Amino acid sequence: MTRAILTIDDSPSPHTRELVEFCTARDITPVLFCRGDRMDQFGDDGLRAALDQGVILAHHSYHHQPAG
């Protein structure tokens, strides 16, 4: 069996709840890499909903400069 893991950087966003609903409706369990500054900015309501759906949350620093 082939397995892929969907990772999403720089979470949360205003669209976190919708993103989680999209993924879980398709039996996809994403890993959200969360930044502290974005958690301060967007709150944790979407992340709490994500945890309730079995989404994996990971640490992605407090903030960082864009890589590009």
Protein backbone atom coordinates (compact mmCIF):
# COMPACT_ATOMS: atom_id res chain seq x y z
CA MET A 1 0.00 0.00 0.00
CA THR A 2 1.27 3.46 -0.93
CA ARG A 3 0.87 6.18 1.66
CA ALA A 4 1.33 9.91 1.34
CA ILE A 5 1.26 12.50 4.11
CA LEU A 6 -0.19 15.93 3.41
CA THR A 7 1.69 18.62 5.31
CA ILE A 8 0.53 22.22 5.46
CA ASP A 9 2.90 24.94 6.65
CA ASP A 10 2.14 28.26 8.30
CA SER A 11 -1.13 27.33 9.96
CA PRO A 12 -3.56 28.49 11.19
CA SER A 13 -5.29 30.80 8.74
CA PRO A 14 -8.79 32.19 8.32
CA HIS A 15 -9.47 29.05 6.25
CA THR A 16 -8.24 26.38 8.68
CA ARG A 17 -11.71 25.09 9.56
CA GLU A 18 -12.72 24.80 5.88
CA LEU A 19 -9.42 23.14 5.00
CA VAL A 20 -9.90 20.55 7.74
CA GLU A 21 -13.47 19.88 6.61
CA PHE A 22 -12.29 19.46 3.01
CA CYS A 23 -9.57 16.98 4.00
CA THR A 24 -11.59 14.92 6.47
CA ALA A 25 -14.50 14.63 4.01
CA ARG A 26 -12.01 12.90 1.69
CA ASP A 27 -10.50 10.70 4.42
CA ILE A 28 -7.27 12.74 4.46
CA THR A 29 -5.58 13.40 7.79
CA PRO A 30 -3.26 16.39 7.25
CA VAL A 31 -0.39 17.53 9.43
CA LEU A 32 -0.68 21.27 10.15
CA PHE A 33 2.63 22.94 10.95
CA CYS A 34 1.60 25.84 13.18
CA ARG A 35 3.39 29.14 13.68
CA GLY A 36 3.01 30.91 17.00
CA ASP A 37 2.50 34.35 15.47
CA ARG A 38 -0.35 33.04 13.31
CA MET A 39 -1.93 31.40 16.36
CA ASP A 40 -1.80 34.81 18.06
CA GLN A 41 -3.30 36.43 14.96
CA PHE A 42 -6.03 33.91 14.09
CA GLY A 43 -6.72 32.25 17.43
CA ASP A 44 -7.07 28.57 18.06
CA ASP A 45 -10.73 27.85 17.30
CA GLY A 46 -9.89 26.29 13.94
CA LEU A 47 -7.08 24.31 15.52
CA ARG A 48 -9.36 22.96 18.24
CA ALA A 49 -11.77 21.81 15.54
CA ALA A 50 -8.83 20.24 13.70
CA LEU A 51 -7.78 18.29 16.78
CA ASP A 52 -11.36 17.08 17.23
CA GLN A 53 -11.14 15.66 13.69
CA GLY A 54 -7.86 13.84 14.38
CA VAL A 55 -5.63 16.29 12.52
CA ILE A 56 -2.00 16.26 13.63
CA LEU A 57 -0.59 19.61 14.81
CA ALA A 58 3.13 20.27 14.71
CA HIS A 59 5.35 23.17 15.76
CA HIS A 60 6.73 25.42 13.01
CA SER A 61 8.47 28.15 15.06
CA TYR A 62 7.00 31.40 16.28
CA HIS A 63 7.67 33.23 13.01
CA HIS A 64 10.10 33.12 10.08
CA GLN A 65 11.02 34.96 6.93
CA PRO A 66 9.62 33.57 3.67
CA ALA A 67 12.02 31.06 2.12
CA GLY A 68 11.59 32.43 -1.40
